Amino acid sequence: MPKSLMINYSPIAVSELENTCRYVAMANCPEVALKQKLRVKNEIARLGHAPNIGQPLLGGFRKLSIPPYVVIYKIESETINIIRVFDGRQDWQNVIF
């Protein structure tokens, strides 16, 4: 079995995921927020074994879609750096580029 790449979250990606889940918990219910958070984290964890599953973007970045979320990441050596975690309904392209 090939070696898994390490996943590293930027502080802003952690904050964005937490804030989104907090909003969902307040707007819907904590169980829904927890399910969404786990789904996003599980999909991100898959990148360790399949780093190229995301769509290529400019500057060596990649985009992983986990509707309604968009994860921006970059593969660097033995590490996958999670740069941002957006709600896909946001205008994330103007924020990142």
N, C-alpha and C. Protein backbone atom coordinates (compact mmCIF):
# COMPACT_ATOMS: atom_id res chain seq x y z
N MET A 1 0.85 -1.18 0.00
CA MET A 1 0.00 0.00 0.00
C MET A 1 0.89 1.24 0.00
N PRO A 2 0.61 2.22 -0.89
CA PRO A 2 1.41 3.44 -0.93
C PRO A 2 1.30 4.23 0.36
N LYS A 3 2.35 4.97 0.63
CA LYS A 3 2.39 5.81 1.83
C LYS A 3 1.37 6.94 1.73
N SER A 4 0.68 7.19 2.83
CA SER A 4 -0.30 8.27 2.89
C SER A 4 0.40 9.60 3.15
N LEU A 5 -0.05 10.64 2.46
CA LEU A 5 0.49 11.97 2.68
C LEU A 5 -0.12 12.57 3.96
N MET A 6 0.66 13.38 4.63
CA MET A 6 0.20 14.05 5.84
C MET A 6 -0.74 15.20 5.44
N ILE A 7 -1.77 15.42 6.23
CA ILE A 7 -2.73 16.51 6.01
C ILE A 7 -2.45 17.58 7.05
N ASN A 8 -2.27 18.81 6.57
CA ASN A 8 -2.01 19.95 7.44
C ASN A 8 -3.05 21.03 7.16
N TYR A 9 -3.78 21.45 8.19
CA TYR A 9 -4.79 22.50 8.05
C TYR A 9 -4.18 23.85 8.42
N SER A 10 -4.40 24.85 7.58
CA SER A 10 -3.99 26.21 7.94
C SER A 10 -4.92 26.70 9.04
N PRO A 11 -4.45 27.66 9.85
CA PRO A 11 -5.33 28.20 10.90
C PRO A 11 -6.63 28.77 10.34
N ILE A 12 -6.57 29.41 9.18
CA ILE A 12 -7.81 29.99 8.61
C ILE A 12 -8.76 28.90 8.15
N ALA A 13 -8.25 27.78 7.63
CA ALA A 13 -9.11 26.68 7.22
C ALA A 13 -9.82 26.08 8.43
N VAL A 14 -9.10 25.91 9.53
CA VAL A 14 -9.70 25.39 10.77
C VAL A 14 -10.80 26.34 11.24
N SER A 15 -10.50 27.63 11.23
CA SER A 15 -11.46 28.64 11.67
C SER A 15 -12.71 28.65 10.78
N GLU A 16 -12.50 28.57 9.47
CA GLU A 16 -13.64 28.59 8.54
C GLU A 16 -14.54 27.38 8.75
N LEU A 17 -13.95 26.21 8.92
CA LEU A 17 -14.75 25.01 9.14
C LEU A 17 -15.51 25.09 10.46
N GLU A 18 -14.85 25.54 11.51
CA GLU A 18 -15.50 25.69 12.81
C GLU A 18 -16.63 26.71 12.76
N ASN A 19 -16.38 27.85 12.12
CA ASN A 19 -17.40 28.90 12.04
C ASN A 19 -18.62 28.44 11.24
N THR A 20 -18.37 27.73 10.14
CA THR A 20 -19.48 27.22 9.34
C THR A 20 -20.31 26.23 10.14
N CYS A 21 -19.63 25.34 10.85
CA CYS A 21 -20.35 24.35 11.66
C CYS A 21 -21.11 25.01 12.80
N ARG A 22 -20.53 26.03 13.39
CA ARG A 22 -21.20 26.77 14.46
C ARG A 22 -22.49 27.41 13.93
N TYR A 23 -22.40 27.99 12.74
CA TYR A 23 -23.57 28.61 12.12
C TYR A 23 -24.66 27.57 11.86
N VAL A 24 -24.26 26.42 11.30
CA VAL A 24 -25.23 25.36 11.02
C VAL A 24 -25.86 24.86 12.32
N ALA A 25 -25.07 24.75 13.35
CA ALA A 25 -25.59 24.28 14.64
C ALA A 25 -26.64 25.24 15.19
N MET A 26 -26.40 26.54 15.02
CA MET A 26 -27.36 27.54 15.52
C MET A 26 -28.59 27.61 14.62
N ALA A 27 -28.40 27.49 13.31
CA ALA A 27 -29.51 27.62 12.37
C ALA A 27 -30.35 26.35 12.28
N ASN A 28 -29.72 25.20 12.39
CA ASN A 28 -30.43 23.92 12.27
C ASN A 28 -30.40 23.17 13.59
N CYS A 29 -29.38 22.36 13.75
CA CYS A 29 -29.22 21.64 15.01
C CYS A 29 -27.78 21.16 15.11
N PRO A 30 -27.30 20.96 16.33
CA PRO A 30 -25.91 20.53 16.52
C PRO A 30 -25.58 19.20 15.83
N GLU A 31 -26.55 18.28 15.76
CA GLU A 31 -26.30 16.99 15.13
C GLU A 31 -26.00 17.14 13.64
N VAL A 32 -26.73 18.04 12.98
CA VAL A 32 -26.50 18.29 11.55
C VAL A 32 -25.11 18.88 11.36
N ALA A 33 -24.75 19.82 12.20
CA ALA A 33 -23.43 20.46 12.10
C ALA A 33 -22.32 19.43 12.28
N LEU A 34 -22.47 18.56 13.26
CA LEU A 34 -21.45 17.55 13.52
C LEU A 34 -21.33 16.59 12.33
N LYS A 35 -22.46 16.18 11.77
CA LYS A 35 -22.45 15.30 10.60
C LYS A 35 -21.71 15.95 9.43
N GLN A 36 -22.01 17.22 9.18
CA GLN A 36 -21.36 17.93 8.08
C GLN A 36 -19.86 18.05 8.32
N LYS A 37 -19.49 18.38 9.53
CA LYS A 37 -18.07 18.53 9.85
C LYS A 37 -17.34 17.20 9.65
N LEU A 38 -17.91 16.12 10.12
CA LEU A 38 -17.29 14.81 9.95
C LEU A 38 -17.20 14.42 8.48
N ARG A 39 -18.23 14.74 7.71
CA ARG A 39 -18.21 14.43 6.27
C ARG A 39 -17.09 15.18 5.58
N VAL A 40 -16.93 16.46 5.89
CA VAL A 40 -15.87 17.27 5.29
C VAL A 40 -14.50 16.73 5.69
N LYS A 41 -14.32 16.45 6.97
CA LYS A 41 -13.02 15.95 7.44
C LYS A 41 -12.70 14.57 6.86
N ASN A 42 -13.69 13.71 6.71
CA ASN A 42 -13.47 12.40 6.10
C ASN A 42 -13.06 12.52 4.64
N GLU A 43 -13.71 13.42 3.91
CA GLU A 43 -13.36 13.62 2.51
C GLU A 43 -11.95 14.21 2.38
N ILE A 44 -11.60 15.13 3.26
CA ILE A 44 -10.26 15.70 3.26
C ILE A 44 -9.23 14.61 3.57
N ALA A 45 -9.56 13.72 4.50
CA ALA A 45 -8.63 12.64 4.86
C ALA A 45 -8.35 11.73 3.66
N ARG A 46 -9.31 11.58 2.76
CA ARG A 46 -9.10 10.77 1.55
C ARG A 46 -7.97 11.33 0.69
N LEU A 47 -7.72 12.63 0.80
CA LEU A 47 -6.65 13.25 0.01
C LEU A 47 -5.29 12.64 0.34
N GLY A 48 -5.13 12.14 1.54
CA GLY A 48 -3.87 11.53 1.94
C GLY A 48 -3.48 10.37 1.05
N HIS A 49 -4.47 9.65 0.55
CA HIS A 49 -4.24 8.49 -0.32
C HIS A 49 -4.46 8.81 -1.80
N ALA A 50 -5.23 9.85 -2.08
CA ALA A 50 -5.54 10.22 -3.46
C ALA A 50 -5.49 11.73 -3.60
N PRO A 51 -4.29 12.30 -3.54
CA PRO A 51 -4.16 13.76 -3.50
C PRO A 51 -4.62 14.49 -4.76
N ASN A 52 -4.70 13.80 -5.87
CA ASN A 52 -5.05 14.46 -7.13
C ASN A 52 -6.53 14.38 -7.47
N ILE A 53 -7.38 13.97 -6.51
CA ILE A 53 -8.80 13.86 -6.82
C ILE A 53 -9.46 15.23 -6.99
N GLY A 54 -8.85 16.26 -6.46
CA GLY A 54 -9.40 17.61 -6.61
C GLY A 54 -9.08 18.20 -7.97
N GLN A 55 -9.88 19.15 -8.37
CA GLN A 55 -9.71 19.83 -9.66
C GLN A 55 -8.53 20.79 -9.60
N PRO A 56 -7.63 20.76 -10.59
CA PRO A 56 -6.49 21.70 -10.61
C PRO A 56 -6.96 23.14 -10.78
N LEU A 57 -6.30 24.04 -10.07
CA LEU A 57 -6.55 25.48 -10.17
C LEU A 57 -5.23 26.19 -10.48
N LEU A 58 -5.27 27.48 -10.63
CA LEU A 58 -4.07 28.27 -10.86
C LEU A 58 -3.10 28.17 -9.69
N GLY A 59 -1.82 28.34 -9.97
CA GLY A 59 -0.82 28.43 -8.91
C GLY A 59 -0.54 27.14 -8.17
N GLY A 60 -0.90 26.01 -8.77
CA GLY A 60 -0.65 24.73 -8.11
C GLY A 60 -1.67 24.35 -7.05
N PHE A 61 -2.70 25.16 -6.91
CA PHE A 61 -3.76 24.85 -5.96
C PHE A 61 -4.72 23.83 -6.58
N ARG A 62 -5.48 23.18 -5.73
CA ARG A 62 -6.50 22.25 -6.17
C ARG A 62 -7.78 22.53 -5.39
N LYS A 63 -8.91 22.12 -5.98
CA LYS A 63 -10.22 22.34 -5.36
C LYS A 63 -10.91 20.99 -5.18
N LEU A 64 -11.31 20.71 -3.95
CA LEU A 64 -12.09 19.52 -3.65
C LEU A 64 -13.50 19.99 -3.33
N SER A 65 -14.47 19.52 -4.09
CA SER A 65 -15.87 19.88 -3.85
C SER A 65 -16.52 18.83 -2.96
N ILE A 66 -17.08 19.32 -1.86
CA ILE A 66 -17.86 18.50 -0.93
C ILE A 66 -19.14 19.29 -0.69
N PRO A 67 -20.07 19.26 -1.66
CA PRO A 67 -21.23 20.15 -1.59
C PRO A 67 -21.90 20.18 -0.23
N PRO A 68 -22.17 21.39 0.26
CA PRO A 68 -21.97 22.68 -0.39
C PRO A 68 -20.59 23.29 -0.14
N TYR A 69 -19.63 22.52 0.34
CA TYR A 69 -18.33 23.07 0.70
C TYR A 69 -17.31 22.94 -0.43
N VAL A 70 -16.35 23.85 -0.41
CA VAL A 70 -15.22 23.84 -1.34
C VAL A 70 -13.96 23.91 -0.49
N VAL A 71 -13.06 22.97 -0.72
CA VAL A 71 -11.80 22.92 0.00
C VAL A 71 -10.69 23.26 -0.98
N ILE A 72 -9.89 24.27 -0.64
CA ILE A 72 -8.74 24.65 -1.46
C ILE A 72 -7.50 24.09 -0.78
N TYR A 73 -6.70 23.36 -1.56
CA TYR A 73 -5.51 22.75 -0.98
C TYR A 73 -4.35 22.77 -1.96
N LYS A 74 -3.18 22.48 -1.45
CA LYS A 74 -1.97 22.44 -2.26
C LYS A 74 -1.14 21.24 -1.81
N ILE A 75 -0.64 20.50 -2.78
CA ILE A 75 0.22 19.35 -2.50
C ILE A 75 1.66 19.85 -2.51
N GLU A 76 2.35 19.65 -1.40
CA GLU A 76 3.74 20.09 -1.30
C GLU A 76 4.55 18.98 -0.67
N SER A 77 5.38 18.34 -1.48
CA SER A 77 6.24 17.25 -1.02
C SER A 77 5.38 16.13 -0.46
N GLU A 78 5.53 15.81 0.81
CA GLU A 78 4.80 14.72 1.45
C GLU A 78 3.59 15.21 2.23
N THR A 79 3.19 16.46 1.98
CA THR A 79 2.12 17.08 2.77
C THR A 79 1.04 17.67 1.87
N ILE A 80 -0.18 17.54 2.32
CA ILE A 80 -1.30 18.23 1.68
C ILE A 80 -1.69 19.35 2.63
N ASN A 81 -1.54 20.56 2.15
CA ASN A 81 -1.87 21.74 2.95
C ASN A 81 -3.28 22.21 2.61
N ILE A 82 -4.16 22.13 3.59
CA ILE A 82 -5.53 22.62 3.42
C ILE A 82 -5.48 24.11 3.67
N ILE A 83 -5.72 24.87 2.62
CA ILE A 83 -5.57 26.32 2.68
C ILE A 83 -6.85 27.00 3.18
N ARG A 84 -7.97 26.64 2.57
CA ARG A 84 -9.25 27.28 2.92
C ARG A 84 -10.37 26.25 2.84
N VAL A 85 -11.44 26.49 3.60
CA VAL A 85 -12.66 25.69 3.53
C VAL A 85 -13.81 26.68 3.43
N PHE A 86 -14.41 26.74 2.24
CA PHE A 86 -15.48 27.71 1.98
C PHE A 86 -16.83 27.01 1.88
N ASP A 87 -17.86 27.78 2.18
CA ASP A 87 -19.20 27.38 1.78
C ASP A 87 -19.25 27.68 0.28
N GLY A 88 -19.57 26.69 -0.52
CA GLY A 88 -19.55 26.86 -1.98
C GLY A 88 -20.51 27.91 -2.49
N ARG A 89 -21.43 28.34 -1.66
CA ARG A 89 -22.36 29.40 -2.08
C ARG A 89 -21.75 30.77 -1.95
N GLN A 90 -20.57 30.85 -1.32
CA GLN A 90 -19.85 32.12 -1.23
C GLN A 90 -19.13 32.38 -2.54
N ASP A 91 -18.71 33.61 -2.73
CA ASP A 91 -17.91 33.97 -3.91
C ASP A 91 -16.44 33.67 -3.60
N TRP A 92 -16.12 32.40 -3.43
CA TRP A 92 -14.78 31.98 -2.98
C TRP A 92 -13.71 32.28 -4.00
N GLN A 93 -14.04 32.32 -5.28
CA GLN A 93 -13.02 32.55 -6.31
C GLN A 93 -12.41 33.94 -6.20
N ASN A 94 -13.21 34.93 -5.82
CA ASN A 94 -12.67 36.27 -5.65
C ASN A 94 -11.86 36.41 -4.37
N VAL A 95 -12.08 35.53 -3.42
CA VAL A 95 -11.32 35.58 -2.18
C VAL A 95 -9.96 34.93 -2.35
N ILE A 96 -9.92 33.82 -3.07
CA ILE A 96 -8.69 33.04 -3.17
C ILE A 96 -7.76 33.56 -4.29
N PHE A 97 -8.31 34.09 -5.36
CA PHE A 97 -7.47 34.52 -6.48
C PHE A 97 -7.43 36.03 -6.61
